[in-house]
Amino acid sequence: MLSTLKNPTQKLAICCYVNTSTHVEIARITNIPHWSFERVIFPGQRLIFEAPVIAKLEIHTGTAISSILSETIDCQKLQLTSSVPGYSAS
């Protein structure tokens, strides 16, 4: 579930993360106040999402009863760009 931002002028980015592991992963964004984002990503699955450019995507791996934070990625590094002339993501 996506929550609305308290600051509507916050720049959002369209981002992409691919689970290249052989394990189910949980992706979370926890560093943005009043923002809720959590998704399950299966092996080989691509996750396209919109998030503030300052967000950090946490990747958790593990079993059904426990998980380990295995990686934190700046969403700015996951941002998609377009080669379509005249396209603007903003």
N, C-alpha and C. Protein backbone atom coordinates (compact mmCIF):
# COMPACT_ATOMS: atom_id res chain seq x y z
N MET A 1 0.84 -1.17 0.00
CA MET A 1 0.00 0.00 0.00
C MET A 1 0.88 1.23 0.00
N LEU A 2 0.57 2.20 -0.84
CA LEU A 2 1.29 3.44 -0.88
C LEU A 2 0.54 4.49 -0.09
N SER A 3 1.25 5.21 0.73
CA SER A 3 0.66 6.29 1.48
C SER A 3 0.96 7.60 0.78
N THR A 4 0.15 8.59 1.04
CA THR A 4 0.41 9.89 0.45
C THR A 4 1.51 10.58 1.23
N LEU A 5 2.25 11.42 0.55
CA LEU A 5 3.31 12.16 1.18
C LEU A 5 2.75 13.42 1.83
N LYS A 6 3.32 13.79 2.98
CA LYS A 6 2.92 15.03 3.64
C LYS A 6 3.40 16.23 2.83
N ASN A 7 4.52 16.08 2.13
CA ASN A 7 5.08 17.14 1.30
C ASN A 7 4.79 16.81 -0.16
N PRO A 8 3.71 17.38 -0.74
CA PRO A 8 3.34 17.02 -2.11
C PRO A 8 4.35 17.47 -3.16
N THR A 9 5.31 18.33 -2.78
CA THR A 9 6.31 18.76 -3.75
C THR A 9 7.50 17.81 -3.80
N GLN A 10 7.48 16.76 -2.98
CA GLN A 10 8.54 15.76 -2.97
C GLN A 10 8.65 15.13 -4.35
N LYS A 11 9.86 15.11 -4.92
CA LYS A 11 10.06 14.54 -6.25
C LYS A 11 9.97 13.02 -6.18
N LEU A 12 9.14 12.45 -7.05
CA LEU A 12 8.99 10.99 -7.13
C LEU A 12 9.74 10.47 -8.35
N ALA A 13 10.20 9.24 -8.24
CA ALA A 13 10.90 8.59 -9.33
C ALA A 13 10.26 7.24 -9.61
N ILE A 14 10.28 6.83 -10.85
CA ILE A 14 9.84 5.48 -11.22
C ILE A 14 11.10 4.63 -11.18
N CYS A 15 11.04 3.57 -10.37
CA CYS A 15 12.23 2.75 -10.10
C CYS A 15 11.97 1.29 -10.47
N CYS A 16 13.07 0.56 -10.62
CA CYS A 16 12.98 -0.85 -10.96
C CYS A 16 14.01 -1.64 -10.17
N TYR A 17 13.55 -2.73 -9.56
CA TYR A 17 14.44 -3.65 -8.86
C TYR A 17 14.15 -5.06 -9.37
N VAL A 18 15.19 -5.86 -9.60
CA VAL A 18 15.03 -7.24 -10.05
C VAL A 18 15.63 -8.17 -9.01
N ASN A 19 14.85 -9.17 -8.62
CA ASN A 19 15.33 -10.18 -7.69
C ASN A 19 16.12 -11.21 -8.49
N THR A 20 17.44 -11.09 -8.43
CA THR A 20 18.29 -12.01 -9.18
C THR A 20 18.71 -13.22 -8.34
N SER A 21 18.22 -13.28 -7.12
CA SER A 21 18.56 -14.41 -6.24
C SER A 21 17.64 -15.60 -6.52
N THR A 22 17.88 -16.68 -5.80
CA THR A 22 17.02 -17.86 -5.90
C THR A 22 16.06 -17.94 -4.73
N HIS A 23 15.96 -16.85 -3.96
CA HIS A 23 15.12 -16.80 -2.77
C HIS A 23 14.04 -15.72 -2.89
N VAL A 24 12.95 -15.92 -2.18
CA VAL A 24 11.92 -14.88 -2.09
C VAL A 24 12.49 -13.74 -1.27
N GLU A 25 12.26 -12.51 -1.71
CA GLU A 25 12.73 -11.34 -1.00
C GLU A 25 11.55 -10.45 -0.62
N ILE A 26 11.75 -9.66 0.41
CA ILE A 26 10.77 -8.64 0.81
C ILE A 26 11.44 -7.29 0.59
N ALA A 27 10.78 -6.41 -0.14
CA ALA A 27 11.29 -5.06 -0.38
C ALA A 27 10.48 -4.09 0.47
N ARG A 28 11.18 -3.21 1.19
CA ARG A 28 10.51 -2.23 2.05
C ARG A 28 11.18 -0.87 1.90
N ILE A 29 10.37 0.17 2.02
CA ILE A 29 10.89 1.53 2.17
C ILE A 29 10.46 1.98 3.55
N THR A 30 11.44 2.33 4.39
CA THR A 30 11.12 2.69 5.77
C THR A 30 11.66 4.06 6.17
N ASN A 31 12.43 4.72 5.31
CA ASN A 31 13.05 5.97 5.72
C ASN A 31 12.22 7.22 5.38
N ILE A 32 11.03 7.06 4.82
CA ILE A 32 10.18 8.20 4.47
C ILE A 32 9.01 8.24 5.44
N PRO A 33 8.90 9.32 6.24
CA PRO A 33 7.77 9.42 7.18
C PRO A 33 6.43 9.43 6.44
N HIS A 34 5.43 8.77 7.00
CA HIS A 34 4.07 8.71 6.45
C HIS A 34 4.03 8.02 5.08
N TRP A 35 4.95 7.13 4.83
CA TRP A 35 5.03 6.41 3.55
C TRP A 35 5.10 4.93 3.89
N SER A 36 4.23 4.16 3.29
CA SER A 36 4.21 2.72 3.57
C SER A 36 4.40 1.96 2.27
N PHE A 37 5.47 1.13 2.21
CA PHE A 37 5.73 0.35 1.01
C PHE A 37 6.38 -0.96 1.42
N GLU A 38 5.76 -2.05 1.04
CA GLU A 38 6.31 -3.39 1.28
C GLU A 38 5.79 -4.32 0.20
N ARG A 39 6.68 -5.06 -0.44
CA ARG A 39 6.30 -6.00 -1.49
C ARG A 39 7.10 -7.28 -1.38
N VAL A 40 6.48 -8.39 -1.76
CA VAL A 40 7.16 -9.68 -1.87
C VAL A 40 7.63 -9.80 -3.32
N ILE A 41 8.89 -10.20 -3.49
CA ILE A 41 9.45 -10.34 -4.84
C ILE A 41 9.99 -11.75 -4.98
N PHE A 42 9.47 -12.48 -5.94
CA PHE A 42 9.89 -13.85 -6.18
C PHE A 42 11.15 -13.88 -7.05
N PRO A 43 11.90 -14.98 -7.01
CA PRO A 43 13.11 -15.08 -7.83
C PRO A 43 12.83 -14.77 -9.30
N GLY A 44 13.65 -13.92 -9.87
CA GLY A 44 13.50 -13.53 -11.28
C GLY A 44 12.46 -12.46 -11.52
N GLN A 45 11.70 -12.09 -10.52
CA GLN A 45 10.63 -11.10 -10.70
C GLN A 45 11.20 -9.68 -10.71
N ARG A 46 10.58 -8.83 -11.52
CA ARG A 46 10.95 -7.42 -11.63
C ARG A 46 9.90 -6.60 -10.89
N LEU A 47 10.32 -5.67 -10.07
CA LEU A 47 9.42 -4.79 -9.33
C LEU A 47 9.59 -3.37 -9.85
N ILE A 48 8.53 -2.82 -10.41
CA ILE A 48 8.50 -1.43 -10.86
C ILE A 48 7.66 -0.67 -9.84
N PHE A 49 8.19 0.43 -9.32
CA PHE A 49 7.47 1.18 -8.30
C PHE A 49 7.83 2.66 -8.36
N GLU A 50 6.99 3.47 -7.75
CA GLU A 50 7.23 4.90 -7.67
C GLU A 50 7.52 5.25 -6.22
N ALA A 51 8.57 6.04 -6.00
CA ALA A 51 8.98 6.39 -4.65
C ALA A 51 9.72 7.72 -4.68
N PRO A 52 9.79 8.40 -3.55
CA PRO A 52 10.60 9.61 -3.48
C PRO A 52 12.06 9.29 -3.83
N VAL A 53 12.74 10.20 -4.52
CA VAL A 53 14.12 9.94 -4.94
C VAL A 53 15.05 9.75 -3.75
N ILE A 54 14.68 10.26 -2.58
CA ILE A 54 15.53 10.11 -1.39
C ILE A 54 15.25 8.80 -0.63
N ALA A 55 14.30 8.02 -1.10
CA ALA A 55 13.95 6.77 -0.43
C ALA A 55 15.07 5.74 -0.55
N LYS A 56 15.10 4.84 0.42
CA LYS A 56 16.05 3.73 0.39
C LYS A 56 15.24 2.43 0.41
N LEU A 57 15.50 1.58 -0.56
CA LEU A 57 14.82 0.30 -0.67
C LEU A 57 15.60 -0.74 0.12
N GLU A 58 14.95 -1.32 1.14
CA GLU A 58 15.57 -2.38 1.94
C GLU A 58 15.16 -3.72 1.34
N ILE A 59 16.11 -4.60 1.16
CA ILE A 59 15.84 -5.95 0.66
C ILE A 59 16.09 -6.93 1.80
N HIS A 60 15.04 -7.65 2.17
CA HIS A 60 15.11 -8.63 3.26
C HIS A 60 14.98 -10.03 2.66
N THR A 61 15.82 -10.94 3.12
CA THR A 61 15.74 -12.34 2.69
C THR A 61 15.66 -13.22 3.92
N GLY A 62 15.19 -14.40 3.74
CA GLY A 62 15.13 -15.34 4.86
C GLY A 62 13.99 -16.32 4.72
N THR A 63 13.55 -16.82 5.87
CA THR A 63 12.49 -17.82 5.90
C THR A 63 11.16 -17.15 6.25
N ALA A 64 10.12 -17.95 6.33
CA ALA A 64 8.79 -17.43 6.65
C ALA A 64 8.71 -16.87 8.06
N ILE A 65 9.57 -17.32 8.97
CA ILE A 65 9.49 -16.85 10.35
C ILE A 65 10.56 -15.84 10.73
N SER A 66 11.55 -15.64 9.89
CA SER A 66 12.57 -14.63 10.17
C SER A 66 13.14 -14.10 8.86
N SER A 67 13.64 -12.89 8.94
CA SER A 67 14.28 -12.32 7.75
C SER A 67 15.49 -11.51 8.17
N ILE A 68 16.39 -11.33 7.23
CA ILE A 68 17.62 -10.59 7.46
C ILE A 68 17.68 -9.47 6.44
N LEU A 69 18.01 -8.27 6.90
CA LEU A 69 18.22 -7.16 5.98
C LEU A 69 19.52 -7.44 5.25
N SER A 70 19.42 -7.73 3.95
CA SER A 70 20.61 -8.13 3.21
C SER A 70 21.18 -7.02 2.34
N GLU A 71 20.38 -5.97 2.09
CA GLU A 71 20.85 -4.91 1.20
C GLU A 71 19.97 -3.68 1.37
N THR A 72 20.58 -2.50 1.27
CA THR A 72 19.84 -1.24 1.23
C THR A 72 20.32 -0.48 0.00
N ILE A 73 19.37 -0.07 -0.85
CA ILE A 73 19.71 0.56 -2.12
C ILE A 73 19.03 1.92 -2.19
N ASP A 74 19.77 2.95 -2.58
CA ASP A 74 19.17 4.25 -2.82
C ASP A 74 18.25 4.15 -4.02
N CYS A 75 17.01 4.60 -3.87
CA CYS A 75 16.05 4.53 -4.98
C CYS A 75 16.52 5.34 -6.18
N GLN A 76 17.32 6.36 -5.94
CA GLN A 76 17.86 7.15 -7.04
C GLN A 76 18.69 6.27 -7.98
N LYS A 77 19.37 5.26 -7.44
CA LYS A 77 20.16 4.34 -8.26
C LYS A 77 19.28 3.38 -9.05
N LEU A 78 18.05 3.19 -8.62
CA LEU A 78 17.11 2.27 -9.29
C LEU A 78 16.20 2.99 -10.27
N GLN A 79 16.37 4.31 -10.37
CA GLN A 79 15.48 5.13 -11.19
C GLN A 79 15.59 4.75 -12.67
N LEU A 80 14.42 4.61 -13.29
CA LEU A 80 14.35 4.32 -14.73
C LEU A 80 14.47 5.63 -15.50
N THR A 81 15.06 5.54 -16.67
CA THR A 81 15.12 6.69 -17.57
C THR A 81 14.45 6.28 -18.86
N SER A 82 14.03 7.26 -19.60
CA SER A 82 13.33 6.98 -20.85
C SER A 82 14.11 7.54 -22.02
N SER A 83 14.12 6.80 -23.10
CA SER A 83 14.77 7.28 -24.31
C SER A 83 13.72 7.78 -25.31
N VAL A 84 12.48 7.91 -24.85
CA VAL A 84 11.40 8.38 -25.72
C VAL A 84 11.50 9.90 -25.83
N PRO A 85 11.66 10.46 -27.04
CA PRO A 85 11.76 11.91 -27.20
C PRO A 85 10.51 12.62 -26.66
N GLY A 86 10.74 13.68 -25.91
CA GLY A 86 9.63 14.47 -25.38
C GLY A 86 9.00 13.91 -24.12
N TYR A 87 9.47 12.74 -23.64
CA TYR A 87 8.90 12.13 -22.44
C TYR A 87 9.52 12.77 -21.22
N SER A 88 8.69 13.06 -20.24
CA SER A 88 9.17 13.58 -18.96
C SER A 88 8.50 12.82 -17.84
N ALA A 89 9.29 12.25 -16.94
CA ALA A 89 8.74 11.47 -15.81
C ALA A 89 8.28 12.38 -14.69
N SER A 90 8.53 13.67 -14.77
CA SER A 90 8.12 14.57 -13.67
C SER A 90 6.78 15.19 -13.89
